[in-house]
Structure formats: structure tokens, C-alpha cells
Amino acid sequence: MARKIALWSAAVLAVVTIVLVFFYRSIHEEEWAERLEAKSTVIASTYMRTVDRVERFVGEKPYMVVFGQDEEGREAIAWVNDGKAKMRYASTGITAEEARRKVEESNPDNEVLRVLPGVLNETYLWEVFYKRKDEEGSRYYYSYYRFDNGEEIDTWRMSRH
């Protein structure tokens, strides 16, 4: 009897696992396809030859942000929207770490959660998402810095949590 229960339990567990894997794949399939398309667009239309990672940025328009290198190994970032890619060498702008440091230096209570290249008003930039705790709770912020020179563009303050 115990053996039957163990076999049925294993069978049910296997079926549930298979269903969950198919469910996960169906949810993420479109995202994976968009990332693959962005990678192909960048390699076909810019000097970038290897891709390290692809991230999604959602601002006024959605962009896929592609990180990689050219044939000589120079770091580059490309922004892809509507099948068009715009590439910048990482050396032509500030780094993600420099954008992070600007937020951390502006207030020691800032806790940076994410730094990502993006585009707002046709300006290439770094978006720094962070939170700050105070006596009333936590508040989330988005600060934007120009990619080319690090000049602060804007800071958006979200509601308290």
C-alpha cells in the first residue's frame, strides 16, 4: 500500500512539474523572442559583435538595451526600439557605477536597487531606481542622468510604502 501511494505521489509530482514548466515557458516566450530579436538587430546593424546581456527599459517607449563588445573588445551599449538600434561605446559616457555613486553621494540613506540605461525625450541616459527610508517609512525614486556627461536630468518621487 505504501508503495502504491509513493508511486502515485511521484506521478502526480511529475505531472505538476511538467505543467509548471510549460506554464513558465508560455509566460516568458514572448519576452525571450523580443530579446533574441534585439540581439540580432544589434549584431546586424551596429559594430557590436558579441552580446553579454539584454535588458528591457520602459519609458515613453519600450526599449531593449543590449550590452556587448565590438570586434576589438570595446564595451558598447545599444538601445533597440521598433527594429532600429542606436549604439554608443561605453567609454563615451558615464558608467553605471558613476550614476549609482551620484545617487549614493546625494544622500547616504539612498539604497540603489537598479541602474539601467534608457531613453527619455530622445535623450540617452542612466535610470537609477532607489529607495530612501525616513521616519515616515520608505519612498522610491527614479533619478535620470545623461549618458554622455552625467548631468542630472530629473528625479521622480513615488508614493510612500
N, C-alpha and C. Protein backbone atom coordinates (compact mmCIF):
# COMPACT_ATOMS: atom_id res chain seq x y z
N MET A 1 0.82 -1.20 0.00
CA MET A 1 0.00 0.00 0.00
C MET A 1 0.87 1.27 0.00
N ALA A 2 1.89 1.28 0.86
CA ALA A 2 2.77 2.45 0.94
C ALA A 2 3.50 2.66 -0.39
N ARG A 3 3.81 1.56 -1.04
CA ARG A 3 4.49 1.66 -2.33
C ARG A 3 3.58 2.29 -3.38
N LYS A 4 2.29 1.92 -3.38
CA LYS A 4 1.32 2.50 -4.31
C LYS A 4 1.19 4.00 -4.09
N ILE A 5 1.11 4.40 -2.84
CA ILE A 5 1.00 5.82 -2.51
C ILE A 5 2.23 6.57 -2.98
N ALA A 6 3.40 5.99 -2.78
CA ALA A 6 4.64 6.63 -3.21
C ALA A 6 4.68 6.76 -4.73
N LEU A 7 4.27 5.73 -5.46
CA LEU A 7 4.25 5.79 -6.91
C LEU A 7 3.26 6.83 -7.42
N TRP A 8 2.07 6.86 -6.85
CA TRP A 8 1.08 7.86 -7.26
C TRP A 8 1.57 9.28 -6.92
N SER A 9 2.17 9.43 -5.79
CA SER A 9 2.70 10.74 -5.39
C SER A 9 3.78 11.20 -6.37
N ALA A 10 4.66 10.28 -6.73
CA ALA A 10 5.72 10.61 -7.69
C ALA A 10 5.12 10.97 -9.04
N ALA A 11 4.10 10.24 -9.48
CA ALA A 11 3.46 10.51 -10.76
C ALA A 11 2.78 11.89 -10.75
N VAL A 12 2.07 12.19 -9.67
CA VAL A 12 1.40 13.49 -9.56
C VAL A 12 2.44 14.61 -9.53
N LEU A 13 3.51 14.41 -8.79
CA LEU A 13 4.57 15.41 -8.72
C LEU A 13 5.19 15.65 -10.10
N ALA A 14 5.41 14.58 -10.86
CA ALA A 14 5.98 14.71 -12.20
C ALA A 14 5.03 15.48 -13.12
N VAL A 15 3.75 15.17 -13.07
CA VAL A 15 2.77 15.87 -13.91
C VAL A 15 2.69 17.35 -13.53
N VAL A 16 2.65 17.65 -12.25
CA VAL A 16 2.59 19.05 -11.80
C VAL A 16 3.85 19.80 -12.24
N THR A 17 5.01 19.16 -12.14
CA THR A 17 6.26 19.80 -12.57
C THR A 17 6.23 20.09 -14.06
N ILE A 18 5.78 19.15 -14.86
CA ILE A 18 5.71 19.34 -16.31
C ILE A 18 4.75 20.48 -16.65
N VAL A 19 3.59 20.52 -16.01
CA VAL A 19 2.62 21.58 -16.25
C VAL A 19 3.22 22.94 -15.88
N LEU A 20 3.91 23.02 -14.76
CA LEU A 20 4.52 24.28 -14.33
C LEU A 20 5.61 24.74 -15.30
N VAL A 21 6.40 23.82 -15.82
CA VAL A 21 7.44 24.17 -16.78
C VAL A 21 6.81 24.73 -18.05
N PHE A 22 5.76 24.07 -18.56
CA PHE A 22 5.08 24.59 -19.76
C PHE A 22 4.43 25.94 -19.49
N PHE A 23 3.86 26.14 -18.33
CA PHE A 23 3.25 27.42 -17.96
C PHE A 23 4.31 28.52 -17.92
N TYR A 24 5.45 28.24 -17.29
CA TYR A 24 6.55 29.20 -17.20
C TYR A 24 7.04 29.59 -18.59
N ARG A 25 7.22 28.60 -19.44
CA ARG A 25 7.71 28.86 -20.79
C ARG A 25 6.71 29.69 -21.60
N SER A 26 5.42 29.40 -21.45
CA SER A 26 4.42 30.16 -22.20
C SER A 26 4.37 31.61 -21.76
N ILE A 27 4.59 31.87 -20.49
CA ILE A 27 4.59 33.24 -19.98
C ILE A 27 5.80 34.01 -20.51
N HIS A 28 6.96 33.39 -20.55
CA HIS A 28 8.20 34.08 -20.90
C HIS A 28 8.59 34.01 -22.38
N GLU A 29 7.89 33.23 -23.15
CA GLU A 29 8.27 33.01 -24.55
C GLU A 29 8.35 34.31 -25.35
N GLU A 30 7.37 35.18 -25.20
CA GLU A 30 7.37 36.45 -25.95
C GLU A 30 8.56 37.32 -25.55
N GLU A 31 8.85 37.40 -24.26
CA GLU A 31 9.99 38.20 -23.78
C GLU A 31 11.30 37.65 -24.34
N TRP A 32 11.47 36.35 -24.32
CA TRP A 32 12.69 35.73 -24.84
C TRP A 32 12.83 36.00 -26.34
N ALA A 33 11.72 35.96 -27.07
CA ALA A 33 11.75 36.22 -28.51
C ALA A 33 12.15 37.67 -28.78
N GLU A 34 11.62 38.61 -27.99
CA GLU A 34 11.97 40.02 -28.18
C GLU A 34 13.44 40.26 -27.87
N ARG A 35 13.97 39.62 -26.85
CA ARG A 35 15.39 39.76 -26.53
C ARG A 35 16.27 39.20 -27.65
N LEU A 36 15.89 38.07 -28.18
CA LEU A 36 16.63 37.45 -29.29
C LEU A 36 16.59 38.34 -30.53
N GLU A 37 15.42 38.91 -30.81
CA GLU A 37 15.29 39.82 -31.95
C GLU A 37 16.16 41.06 -31.77
N ALA A 38 16.19 41.62 -30.55
CA ALA A 38 17.03 42.79 -30.28
C ALA A 38 18.49 42.45 -30.49
N LYS A 39 18.90 41.31 -30.01
CA LYS A 39 20.29 40.87 -30.18
C LYS A 39 20.64 40.76 -31.67
N SER A 40 19.77 40.15 -32.43
CA SER A 40 20.00 40.00 -33.88
C SER A 40 20.05 41.36 -34.57
N THR A 41 19.16 42.27 -34.19
CA THR A 41 19.14 43.60 -34.78
C THR A 41 20.45 44.33 -34.52
N VAL A 42 20.93 44.25 -33.29
CA VAL A 42 22.16 44.95 -32.92
C VAL A 42 23.36 44.39 -33.68
N ILE A 43 23.47 43.09 -33.74
CA ILE A 43 24.61 42.48 -34.42
C ILE A 43 24.57 42.79 -35.92
N ALA A 44 23.37 42.84 -36.50
CA ALA A 44 23.25 43.11 -37.94
C ALA A 44 23.44 44.58 -38.30
N SER A 45 23.14 45.51 -37.37
CA SER A 45 23.11 46.92 -37.77
C SER A 45 24.08 47.83 -37.02
N THR A 46 24.93 47.27 -36.16
CA THR A 46 25.91 48.09 -35.45
C THR A 46 27.27 47.40 -35.48
N TYR A 47 28.24 48.01 -34.81
CA TYR A 47 29.57 47.42 -34.72
C TYR A 47 29.67 46.35 -33.63
N MET A 48 28.62 46.18 -32.84
CA MET A 48 28.65 45.19 -31.77
C MET A 48 28.66 43.79 -32.37
N ARG A 49 29.56 42.95 -31.88
CA ARG A 49 29.68 41.59 -32.40
C ARG A 49 29.38 40.52 -31.37
N THR A 50 29.56 40.82 -30.09
CA THR A 50 29.19 39.86 -29.05
C THR A 50 28.23 40.55 -28.09
N VAL A 51 27.28 39.78 -27.59
CA VAL A 51 26.27 40.30 -26.67
C VAL A 51 26.40 39.59 -25.33
N ASP A 52 26.51 40.41 -24.27
CA ASP A 52 26.61 39.86 -22.91
C ASP A 52 25.23 39.66 -22.29
N ARG A 53 24.37 40.67 -22.45
CA ARG A 53 23.04 40.57 -21.86
C ARG A 53 22.11 41.58 -22.52
N VAL A 54 20.81 41.33 -22.35
CA VAL A 54 19.77 42.20 -22.89
C VAL A 54 18.79 42.50 -21.77
N GLU A 55 18.49 43.78 -21.57
CA GLU A 55 17.56 44.21 -20.52
C GLU A 55 16.44 45.01 -21.16
N ARG A 56 15.29 45.05 -20.51
CA ARG A 56 14.17 45.85 -21.00
C ARG A 56 14.11 47.16 -20.23
N PHE A 57 13.97 48.26 -20.96
CA PHE A 57 13.73 49.58 -20.37
C PHE A 57 12.37 50.06 -20.86
N VAL A 58 11.52 50.48 -19.94
CA VAL A 58 10.22 51.00 -20.33
C VAL A 58 10.12 52.44 -19.85
N GLY A 59 10.07 53.35 -20.81
CA GLY A 59 9.91 54.77 -20.52
C GLY A 59 8.74 55.25 -21.36
N GLU A 60 8.96 56.31 -22.14
CA GLU A 60 7.92 56.77 -23.06
C GLU A 60 7.63 55.70 -24.10
N LYS A 61 8.69 54.98 -24.50
CA LYS A 61 8.59 53.86 -25.43
C LYS A 61 9.38 52.71 -24.82
N PRO A 62 9.02 51.48 -25.14
CA PRO A 62 9.82 50.35 -24.64
C PRO A 62 11.09 50.16 -25.48
N TYR A 63 12.19 49.91 -24.81
CA TYR A 63 13.47 49.65 -25.47
C TYR A 63 14.05 48.36 -24.92
N MET A 64 14.76 47.66 -25.78
CA MET A 64 15.63 46.59 -25.32
C MET A 64 17.03 47.20 -25.30
N VAL A 65 17.70 47.06 -24.18
CA VAL A 65 19.05 47.60 -24.02
C VAL A 65 20.01 46.43 -24.09
N VAL A 66 20.93 46.49 -25.06
CA VAL A 66 21.84 45.38 -25.33
C VAL A 66 23.25 45.79 -24.93
N PHE A 67 23.90 44.97 -24.12
CA PHE A 67 25.26 45.20 -23.65
C PHE A 67 26.18 44.21 -24.35
N GLY A 68 27.31 44.69 -24.88
CA GLY A 68 28.23 43.79 -25.54
C GLY A 68 29.53 44.48 -25.92
N GLN A 69 30.23 43.89 -26.90
CA GLN A 69 31.52 44.42 -27.35
C GLN A 69 31.59 44.39 -28.88
N ASP A 70 32.46 45.25 -29.42
CA ASP A 70 32.73 45.20 -30.85
C ASP A 70 33.83 44.17 -31.12
N GLU A 71 34.30 44.11 -32.35
CA GLU A 71 35.33 43.13 -32.73
C GLU A 71 36.63 43.31 -31.96
N GLU A 72 36.91 44.53 -31.53
CA GLU A 72 38.15 44.82 -30.80
C GLU A 72 37.98 44.69 -29.29
N GLY A 73 36.80 44.27 -28.85
CA GLY A 73 36.56 44.08 -27.43
C GLY A 73 36.14 45.32 -26.67
N ARG A 74 35.84 46.41 -27.38
CA ARG A 74 35.40 47.64 -26.72
C ARG A 74 33.95 47.48 -26.27
N GLU A 75 33.70 47.84 -25.00
CA GLU A 75 32.35 47.73 -24.43
C GLU A 75 31.40 48.70 -25.12
N ALA A 76 30.19 48.23 -25.38
CA ALA A 76 29.20 49.06 -26.04
C ALA A 76 27.81 48.77 -25.47
N ILE A 77 26.93 49.75 -25.66
CA ILE A 77 25.53 49.62 -25.25
C ILE A 77 24.69 50.05 -26.45
N ALA A 78 23.64 49.27 -26.73
CA ALA A 78 22.74 49.63 -27.83
C ALA A 78 21.31 49.66 -27.31
N TRP A 79 20.57 50.64 -27.79
CA TRP A 79 19.15 50.78 -27.45
C TRP A 79 18.36 50.38 -28.69
N VAL A 80 17.43 49.45 -28.55
CA VAL A 80 16.67 48.93 -29.70
C VAL A 80 15.19 49.23 -29.49
N ASN A 81 14.59 49.86 -30.52
CA ASN A 81 13.16 50.16 -30.49
C ASN A 81 12.65 50.11 -31.93
N ASP A 82 11.53 49.46 -32.14
CA ASP A 82 10.92 49.36 -33.47
C ASP A 82 11.90 48.85 -34.53
N GLY A 83 12.72 47.88 -34.17
CA GLY A 83 13.64 47.28 -35.13
C GLY A 83 14.85 48.12 -35.49
N LYS A 84 15.04 49.25 -34.80
CA LYS A 84 16.19 50.12 -35.06
C LYS A 84 17.08 50.15 -33.82
N ALA A 85 18.39 50.13 -34.06
CA ALA A 85 19.35 50.13 -32.95
C ALA A 85 20.21 51.38 -33.00
N LYS A 86 20.47 51.93 -31.84
CA LYS A 86 21.40 53.07 -31.69
C LYS A 86 22.46 52.62 -30.69
N MET A 87 23.72 52.58 -31.13
CA MET A 87 24.80 52.08 -30.29
C MET A 87 25.71 53.22 -29.84
N ARG A 88 26.17 53.11 -28.61
CA ARG A 88 27.16 54.03 -28.06
C ARG A 88 28.24 53.18 -27.40
N TYR A 89 29.49 53.60 -27.57
CA TYR A 89 30.56 52.93 -26.83
C TYR A 89 30.46 53.36 -25.37
N ALA A 90 30.67 52.43 -24.48
CA ALA A 90 30.58 52.72 -23.05
C ALA A 90 31.54 53.83 -22.65
N SER A 91 32.67 53.92 -23.32
CA SER A 91 33.67 54.93 -22.98
C SER A 91 33.24 56.35 -23.33
N THR A 92 32.17 56.50 -24.11
CA THR A 92 31.71 57.84 -24.49
C THR A 92 30.75 58.43 -23.46
N GLY A 93 30.46 57.69 -22.42
CA GLY A 93 29.53 58.19 -21.40
C GLY A 93 29.98 57.79 -20.01
N ILE A 94 29.16 58.15 -19.04
CA ILE A 94 29.47 57.74 -17.67
C ILE A 94 29.09 56.27 -17.51
N THR A 95 29.65 55.63 -16.50
CA THR A 95 29.35 54.22 -16.25
C THR A 95 28.15 54.09 -15.33
N ALA A 96 27.62 52.88 -15.26
CA ALA A 96 26.53 52.59 -14.32
C ALA A 96 26.98 52.87 -12.90
N GLU A 97 28.23 52.54 -12.60
CA GLU A 97 28.76 52.76 -11.26
C GLU A 97 28.82 54.25 -10.93
N GLU A 98 29.17 55.08 -11.91
CA GLU A 98 29.21 56.52 -11.68
C GLU A 98 27.81 57.07 -11.42
N ALA A 99 26.81 56.58 -12.15
CA ALA A 99 25.42 57.00 -11.92
C ALA A 99 24.97 56.56 -10.53
N ARG A 100 25.31 55.34 -10.15
CA ARG A 100 24.98 54.83 -8.82
C ARG A 100 25.62 55.70 -7.74
N ARG A 101 26.87 56.04 -7.93
CA ARG A 101 27.60 56.85 -6.95
C ARG A 101 26.97 58.23 -6.77
N LYS A 102 26.48 58.82 -7.87
CA LYS A 102 25.83 60.13 -7.78
C LYS A 102 24.63 60.07 -6.84
N VAL A 103 23.85 59.01 -6.93
CA VAL A 103 22.67 58.87 -6.07
C VAL A 103 23.09 58.61 -4.63
N GLU A 104 24.07 57.74 -4.44
CA GLU A 104 24.51 57.42 -3.08
C GLU A 104 25.16 58.62 -2.40
N GLU A 105 25.89 59.43 -3.17
CA GLU A 105 26.54 60.60 -2.58
C GLU A 105 25.55 61.72 -2.28
N SER A 106 24.43 61.75 -3.01
CA SER A 106 23.44 62.82 -2.77
C SER A 106 22.75 62.66 -1.42
N ASN A 107 22.65 61.41 -0.94
CA ASN A 107 22.05 61.15 0.37
C ASN A 107 22.52 59.77 0.82
N PRO A 108 23.20 59.68 1.95
CA PRO A 108 23.71 58.38 2.40
C PRO A 108 22.61 57.37 2.73
N ASP A 109 21.37 57.81 2.88
CA ASP A 109 20.26 56.90 3.16
C ASP A 109 19.69 56.27 1.90
N ASN A 110 20.16 56.68 0.73
CA ASN A 110 19.66 56.10 -0.52
C ASN A 110 20.19 54.68 -0.69
N GLU A 111 19.27 53.78 -1.00
CA GLU A 111 19.64 52.39 -1.28
C GLU A 111 19.31 52.10 -2.74
N VAL A 112 20.35 52.01 -3.57
CA VAL A 112 20.16 51.81 -5.01
C VAL A 112 19.70 50.37 -5.26
N LEU A 113 18.62 50.24 -6.01
CA LEU A 113 18.05 48.93 -6.31
C LEU A 113 18.37 48.47 -7.74
N ARG A 114 18.49 49.44 -8.68
CA ARG A 114 18.77 49.08 -10.07
C ARG A 114 19.32 50.29 -10.82
N VAL A 115 20.25 50.03 -11.72
CA VAL A 115 20.77 51.06 -12.62
C VAL A 115 20.68 50.50 -14.03
N LEU A 116 20.03 51.26 -14.92
CA LEU A 116 19.78 50.75 -16.27
C LEU A 116 19.83 51.88 -17.28
N PRO A 117 20.46 51.68 -18.43
CA PRO A 117 20.40 52.69 -19.49
C PRO A 117 18.98 52.79 -20.04
N GLY A 118 18.61 53.98 -20.48
CA GLY A 118 17.28 54.17 -21.04
C GLY A 118 17.26 55.37 -21.98
N VAL A 119 16.05 55.73 -22.38
CA VAL A 119 15.84 56.88 -23.27
C VAL A 119 14.59 57.60 -22.81
N LEU A 120 14.71 58.91 -22.59
CA LEU A 120 13.56 59.77 -22.33
C LEU A 120 13.74 61.04 -23.15
N ASN A 121 12.67 61.46 -23.82
CA ASN A 121 12.71 62.67 -24.65
C ASN A 121 13.89 62.63 -25.62
N GLU A 122 14.11 61.45 -26.22
CA GLU A 122 15.20 61.27 -27.19
C GLU A 122 16.59 61.47 -26.59
N THR A 123 16.70 61.46 -25.27
CA THR A 123 17.99 61.62 -24.59
C THR A 123 18.41 60.28 -24.02
N TYR A 124 19.63 59.84 -24.35
CA TYR A 124 20.16 58.59 -23.81
C TYR A 124 20.66 58.88 -22.41
N LEU A 125 20.30 57.99 -21.48
CA LEU A 125 20.53 58.28 -20.07
C LEU A 125 20.72 57.01 -19.25
N TRP A 126 21.03 57.24 -17.98
CA TRP A 126 21.04 56.18 -16.98
C TRP A 126 19.85 56.43 -16.06
N GLU A 127 19.06 55.39 -15.83
CA GLU A 127 17.96 55.45 -14.87
C GLU A 127 18.44 54.75 -13.60
N VAL A 128 18.37 55.45 -12.48
CA VAL A 128 18.75 54.86 -11.20
C VAL A 128 17.50 54.76 -10.34
N PHE A 129 17.11 53.55 -10.00
CA PHE A 129 15.94 53.30 -9.17
C PHE A 129 16.44 53.01 -7.76
N TYR A 130 15.90 53.73 -6.79
CA TYR A 130 16.38 53.57 -5.42
C TYR A 130 15.29 53.88 -4.42
N LYS A 131 15.56 53.53 -3.16
CA LYS A 131 14.62 53.87 -2.09
C LYS A 131 15.37 54.55 -0.97
N ARG A 132 14.61 55.30 -0.21
CA ARG A 132 15.16 56.00 0.95
C ARG A 132 14.18 55.84 2.11
N LYS A 133 14.72 55.40 3.24
CA LYS A 133 13.90 55.26 4.45
C LYS A 133 14.02 56.53 5.28
N ASP A 134 12.91 56.92 5.87
CA ASP A 134 12.92 58.01 6.83
C ASP A 134 11.94 57.67 7.96
N GLU A 135 11.69 58.62 8.81
CA GLU A 135 10.84 58.33 9.96
C GLU A 135 9.40 58.00 9.59
N GLU A 136 8.97 58.35 8.38
CA GLU A 136 7.60 58.07 7.95
C GLU A 136 7.49 56.80 7.11
N GLY A 137 8.58 56.13 6.82
CA GLY A 137 8.57 54.91 6.01
C GLY A 137 9.57 54.99 4.88
N SER A 138 9.31 54.22 3.82
CA SER A 138 10.20 54.20 2.66
C SER A 138 9.52 54.88 1.48
N ARG A 139 10.33 55.54 0.67
CA ARG A 139 9.85 56.15 -0.56
C ARG A 139 10.80 55.73 -1.68
N TYR A 140 10.22 55.44 -2.84
CA TYR A 140 11.01 55.03 -4.00
C TYR A 140 11.20 56.22 -4.94
N TYR A 141 12.34 56.23 -5.64
CA TYR A 141 12.71 57.31 -6.54
C TYR A 141 13.30 56.76 -7.83
N TYR A 142 13.15 57.54 -8.89
CA TYR A 142 13.87 57.31 -10.14
C TYR A 142 14.64 58.59 -10.42
N SER A 143 15.96 58.48 -10.54
CA SER A 143 16.78 59.62 -10.94
C SER A 143 17.37 59.32 -12.31
N TYR A 144 17.43 60.36 -13.14
CA TYR A 144 17.90 60.20 -14.51
C TYR A 144 19.12 61.08 -14.74
N TYR A 145 20.17 60.48 -15.33
CA TYR A 145 21.43 61.18 -15.61
C TYR A 145 21.78 60.96 -17.08
N ARG A 146 22.19 62.04 -17.73
CA ARG A 146 22.58 61.94 -19.14
C ARG A 146 23.69 60.91 -19.28
N PHE A 147 23.58 60.08 -20.31
CA PHE A 147 24.59 59.06 -20.56
C PHE A 147 25.93 59.70 -20.92
N ASP A 148 25.90 60.77 -21.73
CA ASP A 148 27.15 61.32 -22.25
C ASP A 148 27.97 62.09 -21.22
N ASN A 149 27.32 62.83 -20.30
CA ASN A 149 28.11 63.65 -19.38
C ASN A 149 27.71 63.51 -17.91
N GLY A 150 26.69 62.72 -17.60
CA GLY A 150 26.30 62.50 -16.22
C GLY A 150 25.48 63.61 -15.59
N GLU A 151 25.10 64.60 -16.37
CA GLU A 151 24.29 65.69 -15.84
C GLU A 151 22.93 65.15 -15.40
N GLU A 152 22.48 65.59 -14.22
CA GLU A 152 21.17 65.14 -13.73
C GLU A 152 20.08 65.77 -14.57
N ILE A 153 19.15 64.93 -15.02
CA ILE A 153 18.03 65.39 -15.84
C ILE A 153 16.81 65.64 -14.97
N ASP A 154 16.47 64.64 -14.14
CA ASP A 154 15.26 64.74 -13.34
C ASP A 154 15.26 63.66 -12.27
N THR A 155 14.43 63.85 -11.26
CA THR A 155 14.18 62.82 -10.25
C THR A 155 12.68 62.72 -10.06
N TRP A 156 12.18 61.51 -10.13
CA TRP A 156 10.75 61.26 -9.92
C TRP A 156 10.57 60.61 -8.56
N ARG A 157 9.69 61.15 -7.77
CA ARG A 157 9.43 60.66 -6.41
C ARG A 157 8.12 59.88 -6.43
N MET A 158 8.16 58.66 -5.94
CA MET A 158 6.98 57.80 -5.92
C MET A 158 6.30 57.91 -4.55
N SER A 159 5.17 57.27 -4.40
CA SER A 159 4.44 57.32 -3.13
C SER A 159 5.17 56.53 -2.04
N ARG A 160 4.79 56.78 -0.81
CA ARG A 160 5.40 56.09 0.33
C ARG A 160 4.88 54.67 0.46
N HIS A 161 5.74 53.84 1.04
CA HIS A 161 5.35 52.44 1.34
C HIS A 161 5.63 52.14 2.78
